[in-house]
């Protein structure tokens, strides 16, 4: 019995040693090929990244060339082009704001223009403010102001519809809405999402180039972000049609005419060359707005 048990133990010992040898050999082989596998994966990732960057670069070049070949008509603001800011439910400012151009609100009355320290003109048709190089108009001022504002608001609404109804966009969903760092040639752009810019965006084109940006969601301009013009591009020819809210981050700078379906907020120190045409309210905090929009005198618009 003892002899038989000893033989079994020897066989077991031999089998165990063989298994350990095989496992050890397999581990050594695996360890020897792992660096090669990792290196192969890294190389594959680098190739994919290079392809992505190349596609990204080609896309950006495409935005400057292909889109520039597509000429579109500007959005006609008609009498709404008289205003640096035009709203339906008021304008509020805090801090030292500067607006170069007229401000108007209707159908809400003058009490919705707050923070401007307004002084009513002797005619009763408008007010003035130390913060505004221009005049402030409200629906409860003397004639002909109410009628003028009603027409301007209708023109503002029609301009929004005109911009939103443009069909056959040159580009859709660029950057999935994150367009920071892009250079956009003229054309019609469309997003079904929010649009965000964290630090920079450039519009490149000549003085006749036109941009229309159809945006279904919100627009957020990051704090300190700068939007620039190059090649002779003009702010008056850039139209932001925004279905959601618009926010200009602190000390940001933006170019263009904003046609907002809802509210527009200028955070501390933000600036705009263009115009703000909002179908709800506008809020300013030590903001600077310089009117750059077309007042169509063929329909009686007078600046």
Protein backbone atom coordinates (compact mmCIF):
# COMPACT_ATOMS: atom_id res chain seq x y z
CA UNK A 1 0.00 0.00 0.00
CA UNK A 2 2.79 2.34 0.87
CA UNK A 3 4.56 1.62 -2.43
CA UNK A 4 1.46 2.32 -4.44
CA UNK A 5 0.85 5.60 -2.52
CA UNK A 6 4.42 6.70 -3.14
CA UNK A 7 4.05 6.14 -6.87
CA UNK A 8 0.86 8.22 -6.92
CA UNK A 9 2.58 11.03 -5.06
CA UNK A 10 5.46 10.99 -7.54
CA UNK A 11 3.02 11.14 -10.44
CA UNK A 12 1.16 14.01 -8.79
CA UNK A 13 4.39 15.88 -8.14
CA UNK A 14 5.52 15.37 -11.72
CA UNK A 15 2.14 16.58 -13.07
CA UNK A 16 2.17 19.65 -10.84
CA UNK A 17 5.68 20.58 -11.94
CA UNK A 18 4.67 20.18 -15.57
CA UNK A 19 1.65 22.45 -15.12
CA UNK A 20 3.73 25.14 -13.38
CA UNK A 21 6.32 24.89 -16.15
CA UNK A 22 3.66 25.42 -18.80
CA UNK A 23 2.12 28.33 -16.90
CA UNK A 24 5.51 29.94 -16.35
CA UNK A 25 6.42 29.53 -19.99
CA UNK A 26 3.08 31.02 -21.09
CA UNK A 27 3.54 34.01 -18.78
CA UNK A 28 7.04 34.62 -20.09
CA UNK A 29 5.80 34.50 -23.67
CA UNK A 30 2.92 36.87 -22.81
CA UNK A 31 5.24 39.31 -21.06
CA UNK A 32 7.60 39.25 -24.02
CA UNK A 33 4.88 40.19 -26.52
CA UNK A 34 2.99 42.71 -24.35
CA UNK A 35 5.31 45.64 -25.18
CA UNK A 36 4.84 44.90 -28.86
CA UNK A 37 1.05 44.76 -28.41
CA UNK A 38 1.01 48.04 -26.46
CA UNK A 39 3.28 49.68 -29.00
CA UNK A 40 0.98 48.49 -31.78
CA UNK A 41 -2.05 49.91 -30.01
CA UNK A 42 -0.29 53.24 -29.46
CA UNK A 43 0.71 53.41 -33.11
CA UNK A 44 -2.86 52.66 -34.15
CA UNK A 45 -4.16 55.41 -31.85
CA UNK A 46 -1.63 57.85 -33.29
CA UNK A 47 -2.71 57.01 -36.83
CA UNK A 48 -6.38 57.48 -35.90
CA UNK A 49 -5.58 60.79 -34.21
CA UNK A 50 -3.63 61.99 -37.25
CA UNK A 51 -6.52 61.02 -39.52
CA UNK A 52 -8.95 62.87 -37.22
CA UNK A 53 -6.76 65.98 -37.19
CA UNK A 54 -6.42 65.83 -40.96
CA UNK A 55 -10.17 65.53 -41.38
CA UNK A 56 -10.64 68.39 -38.89
CA UNK A 57 -8.18 70.54 -40.80
CA UNK A 58 -9.79 69.67 -44.12
CA UNK A 59 -13.19 70.55 -42.64
CA UNK A 60 -11.94 73.94 -41.50
CA UNK A 61 -10.40 74.64 -44.89
CA UNK A 62 -13.68 73.52 -46.44
CA UNK A 63 -15.58 76.06 -44.37
CA UNK A 64 -13.44 78.82 -45.86
CA UNK A 65 -13.53 77.67 -49.46
CA UNK A 66 -16.71 75.75 -50.26
CA UNK A 67 -18.95 78.01 -48.17
CA UNK A 68 -17.37 81.10 -49.65
CA UNK A 69 -18.62 79.95 -53.05
CA UNK A 70 -22.22 80.12 -51.83
CA UNK A 71 -23.50 83.68 -52.00
CA UNK A 72 -26.67 84.42 -50.02
CA UNK A 73 -28.81 87.51 -49.54
CA UNK A 74 -28.68 89.32 -46.20
CA UNK A 75 -31.64 89.29 -43.84
CA UNK A 76 -33.67 92.47 -44.29
CA UNK A 77 -34.25 94.14 -40.94
CA UNK A 78 -36.36 96.94 -42.42
CA UNK A 79 -37.26 99.43 -39.67
CA UNK A 80 -35.89 97.13 -36.94
CA UNK A 81 -32.50 98.12 -38.29
CA UNK A 82 -32.90 101.47 -36.55
CA UNK A 83 -32.09 99.97 -33.16
CA UNK A 84 -28.98 98.80 -31.36
CA UNK A 85 -31.38 97.02 -28.96
CA UNK A 86 -35.02 96.23 -29.66
CA UNK A 87 -37.11 94.02 -27.36
CA UNK A 88 -40.70 93.14 -26.56
CA UNK A 89 -40.36 92.90 -22.76
CA UNK A 90 -37.76 95.44 -21.72
CA UNK A 91 -34.06 96.13 -21.13
CA UNK A 92 -32.30 96.14 -17.76
CA UNK A 93 -28.80 97.42 -17.07
CA UNK A 94 -26.44 97.49 -14.12
CA UNK A 95 -22.94 98.95 -13.91
CA UNK A 96 -21.48 101.38 -16.41
CA UNK A 97 -23.06 100.28 -19.68
CA UNK A 98 -22.45 101.97 -23.03
CA UNK A 99 -24.86 101.68 -25.96
CA UNK A 100 -24.14 103.49 -29.22
CA UNK A 101 -27.48 103.46 -31.01
CA UNK A 102 -31.16 103.61 -30.18
CA UNK A 103 -33.03 101.36 -27.73
CA UNK A 104 -36.69 100.42 -28.11
CA UNK A 105 -39.23 98.23 -26.34
CA UNK A 106 -42.83 97.38 -27.21
CA UNK A 107 -45.53 96.47 -26.37
CA UNK A 108 -44.22 96.81 -22.80
CA UNK A 109 -44.00 100.36 -21.45
CA UNK A 110 -41.09 102.56 -20.36
CA UNK A 111 -40.97 101.20 -16.80
CA UNK A 112 -39.37 98.07 -18.35
CA UNK A 113 -36.30 100.14 -19.32
CA UNK A 114 -34.49 100.05 -15.99
CA UNK A 115 -31.11 101.24 -14.75
CA UNK A 116 -30.63 103.90 -17.43
CA UNK A 117 -31.58 106.96 -15.38
CA UNK A 118 -33.73 108.17 -18.28
CA UNK A 119 -34.74 111.76 -18.87
CA UNK A 120 -37.92 112.17 -20.91
CA UNK A 121 -37.68 114.61 -23.81
CA UNK A 122 -40.00 117.62 -23.84
CA UNK A 123 -41.75 116.14 -26.88
CA UNK A 124 -42.64 113.05 -24.88
CA UNK A 125 -41.57 110.89 -27.84
CA UNK A 126 -38.32 109.49 -26.37
CA UNK A 127 -35.92 109.59 -23.45
CA UNK A 128 -32.18 110.08 -23.16
CA UNK A 129 -29.58 108.51 -20.88
CA UNK A 130 -25.94 109.10 -20.02
CA UNK A 131 -25.39 105.41 -20.88
CA UNK A 132 -26.82 105.71 -24.39
CA UNK A 133 -25.51 107.60 -27.40
CA UNK A 134 -28.91 107.69 -29.02
CA UNK A 135 -32.50 107.68 -27.84
CA UNK A 136 -34.72 105.33 -25.85
CA UNK A 137 -38.27 104.57 -27.04
CA UNK A 138 -41.17 102.81 -25.34
CA UNK A 139 -44.76 101.96 -26.21
CA UNK A 140 -46.27 104.49 -23.79
CA UNK A 141 -44.46 107.51 -25.24
CA UNK A 142 -46.19 110.16 -27.36
CA UNK A 143 -47.09 109.70 -31.01
CA UNK A 144 -45.68 108.74 -33.42
CA UNK A 145 -43.50 106.51 -31.19
CA UNK A 146 -46.05 103.71 -30.45
CA UNK A 147 -46.79 103.17 -34.14
CA UNK A 148 -43.10 103.31 -35.04
CA UNK A 149 -42.30 100.67 -32.42
CA UNK A 150 -45.15 98.39 -33.45
CA UNK A 151 -43.85 98.39 -37.00
CA UNK A 152 -40.26 97.83 -35.88
CA UNK A 153 -41.23 94.85 -33.69
CA UNK A 154 -43.19 93.29 -36.54
CA UNK A 155 -40.15 93.77 -38.78
CA UNK A 156 -37.95 92.16 -36.12
CA UNK A 157 -40.24 89.14 -35.98
CA UNK A 158 -40.32 88.89 -39.75
CA UNK A 159 -36.52 89.08 -39.90
CA UNK A 160 -36.32 86.15 -37.47
CA UNK A 161 -38.69 84.12 -39.66
CA UNK A 162 -36.77 85.08 -42.80
CA UNK A 163 -33.52 83.84 -41.28
CA UNK A 164 -34.99 80.64 -39.82
CA UNK A 165 -36.81 79.70 -43.03
CA UNK A 166 -33.74 79.80 -45.28
CA UNK A 167 -33.39 76.34 -46.83
CA UNK A 168 -30.55 74.22 -48.23
CA UNK A 169 -27.83 75.13 -45.72
CA UNK A 170 -24.22 74.95 -46.89
CA UNK A 171 -23.19 73.29 -43.62
CA UNK A 172 -25.09 71.47 -40.88
CA UNK A 173 -24.12 70.52 -37.34
CA UNK A 174 -20.53 71.77 -37.67
CA UNK A 175 -18.54 70.66 -34.62
CA UNK A 176 -21.72 69.24 -33.10
CA UNK A 177 -22.32 72.83 -31.98
CA UNK A 178 -18.88 73.36 -30.43
CA UNK A 179 -17.32 75.70 -32.98
CA UNK A 180 -14.49 77.15 -30.94
CA UNK A 181 -11.45 77.97 -33.08
CA UNK A 182 -13.23 77.68 -36.42
CA UNK A 183 -12.92 80.12 -39.31
CA UNK A 184 -16.23 80.41 -41.18
CA UNK A 185 -16.51 81.54 -44.77
CA UNK A 186 -19.76 83.06 -45.98
CA UNK A 187 -22.78 80.82 -46.21
CA UNK A 188 -25.83 79.37 -44.49
CA UNK A 189 -25.09 77.29 -41.37
CA UNK A 190 -27.58 75.20 -39.43
CA UNK A 191 -27.51 73.52 -36.00
CA UNK A 192 -30.27 71.56 -34.30
CA UNK A 193 -28.34 71.87 -31.02
CA UNK A 194 -26.86 74.47 -28.72
CA UNK A 195 -23.81 76.35 -30.01
CA UNK A 196 -20.82 77.19 -27.82
CA UNK A 197 -17.62 79.17 -28.27
CA UNK A 198 -15.07 78.97 -25.46
CA UNK A 199 -12.27 81.23 -26.71
CA UNK A 200 -12.37 82.19 -30.40
CA UNK A 201 -14.22 82.22 -33.71
CA UNK A 202 -13.42 84.05 -36.96
CA UNK A 203 -15.63 85.14 -39.84
CA UNK A 204 -13.54 85.41 -43.00
CA UNK A 205 -14.88 87.12 -46.12
CA UNK A 206 -15.04 90.36 -48.03
CA UNK A 207 -17.34 93.31 -47.40
CA UNK A 208 -20.18 91.73 -49.39
CA UNK A 209 -20.01 88.31 -47.72
CA UNK A 210 -23.08 87.21 -45.73
CA UNK A 211 -23.43 84.67 -42.94
CA UNK A 212 -26.67 83.28 -41.53
CA UNK A 213 -26.39 80.97 -38.51
CA UNK A 214 -29.59 79.02 -37.81
CA UNK A 215 -29.38 77.75 -34.23
CA UNK A 216 -32.22 75.79 -32.66
CA UNK A 217 -30.85 75.82 -29.11
CA UNK A 218 -28.94 78.22 -26.88
CA UNK A 219 -25.83 80.21 -27.75
CA UNK A 220 -23.12 80.50 -25.09
CA UNK A 221 -20.09 82.72 -25.61
CA UNK A 222 -17.46 81.82 -23.03
CA UNK A 223 -15.92 84.36 -20.68
CA UNK A 224 -13.06 86.11 -22.42
CA UNK A 225 -13.93 84.62 -25.82
CA UNK A 226 -13.28 86.81 -28.86
CA UNK A 227 -15.04 86.71 -32.21
CA UNK A 228 -13.01 88.31 -34.96
CA UNK A 229 -13.56 89.50 -38.54
CA UNK A 230 -11.03 89.09 -41.34
CA UNK A 231 -10.74 89.87 -45.04
CA UNK A 232 -13.11 92.85 -44.87
CA UNK A 233 -16.07 91.00 -43.29
CA UNK A 234 -18.72 93.24 -41.72
CA UNK A 235 -20.73 92.68 -38.53
CA UNK A 236 -23.87 93.98 -40.25
CA UNK A 237 -23.76 90.96 -42.59
CA UNK A 238 -23.60 88.30 -39.85
CA UNK A 239 -27.00 87.11 -38.64
CA UNK A 240 -27.37 84.85 -35.60
CA UNK A 241 -30.90 83.38 -35.57
CA UNK A 242 -31.20 81.82 -32.11
CA UNK A 243 -34.17 79.73 -30.98
CA UNK A 244 -32.99 79.51 -27.37
CA UNK A 245 -31.33 81.89 -24.93
CA UNK A 246 -28.09 83.76 -25.68
CA UNK A 247 -25.40 84.46 -23.08
CA UNK A 248 -22.30 86.59 -23.58
CA UNK A 249 -19.70 85.61 -20.97
CA UNK A 250 -17.74 88.16 -18.98
CA UNK A 251 -15.35 90.30 -21.07
CA UNK A 252 -16.28 88.41 -24.24
CA UNK A 253 -16.48 90.18 -27.60
CA UNK A 254 -18.95 89.26 -30.33
CA UNK A 255 -19.76 90.43 -33.86
CA UNK A 256 -23.09 90.33 -35.66
CA UNK A 257 -26.83 90.90 -35.51
CA UNK A 258 -28.62 88.67 -32.99
CA UNK A 259 -32.19 87.69 -33.77
CA UNK A 260 -33.27 86.07 -30.52
CA UNK A 261 -36.49 84.18 -29.96
CA UNK A 262 -35.99 84.46 -26.19
CA UNK A 263 -33.73 86.39 -23.78
CA UNK A 264 -30.23 87.74 -24.33
CA UNK A 265 -27.84 88.30 -21.41
CA UNK A 266 -24.63 90.35 -21.46
CA UNK A 267 -22.46 89.45 -18.48
CA UNK A 268 -19.98 91.90 -16.92
CA UNK A 269 -17.77 93.67 -19.43
CA UNK A 270 -19.03 91.85 -22.54
CA UNK A 271 -19.12 93.75 -25.85
CA UNK A 272 -20.91 93.51 -29.19
CA UNK A 273 -20.53 95.14 -32.56
CA UNK A 274 -23.89 94.56 -34.23
CA UNK A 275 -27.43 94.65 -32.87
CA UNK A 276 -29.64 92.85 -30.35
CA UNK A 277 -33.19 92.14 -31.54
CA UNK A 278 -34.87 90.00 -28.87
CA UNK A 279 -38.45 88.82 -28.69
CA UNK A 280 -38.30 88.80 -24.88
CA UNK A 281 -35.87 90.80 -22.68
CA UNK A 282 -32.24 91.92 -22.73
CA UNK A 283 -30.06 92.17 -19.62
CA UNK A 284 -26.84 94.21 -19.55
CA UNK A 285 -24.06 94.33 -16.94
CA UNK A 286 -21.46 96.99 -17.70
CA UNK A 287 -21.77 95.96 -21.33
CA UNK A 288 -20.78 97.82 -24.48
CA UNK A 289 -22.90 97.64 -27.65
CA UNK A 290 -22.02 99.48 -30.85
CA UNK A 291 -24.78 99.37 -33.45
CA UNK A 292 -23.69 97.78 -36.73
CA UNK A 293 -26.89 97.00 -38.59
CA UNK A 294 -28.67 98.27 -41.69
CA UNK A 295 -31.55 100.69 -41.30
CA UNK A 296 -33.53 100.34 -44.55
CA UNK A 297 -34.51 103.88 -45.53
CA UNK A 298 -36.48 102.54 -48.50
CA UNK A 299 -39.19 101.50 -45.98
CA UNK A 300 -38.98 104.69 -43.95
CA UNK A 301 -36.33 103.65 -41.44
CA UNK A 302 -34.60 106.72 -40.02
CA UNK A 303 -31.59 106.68 -37.70
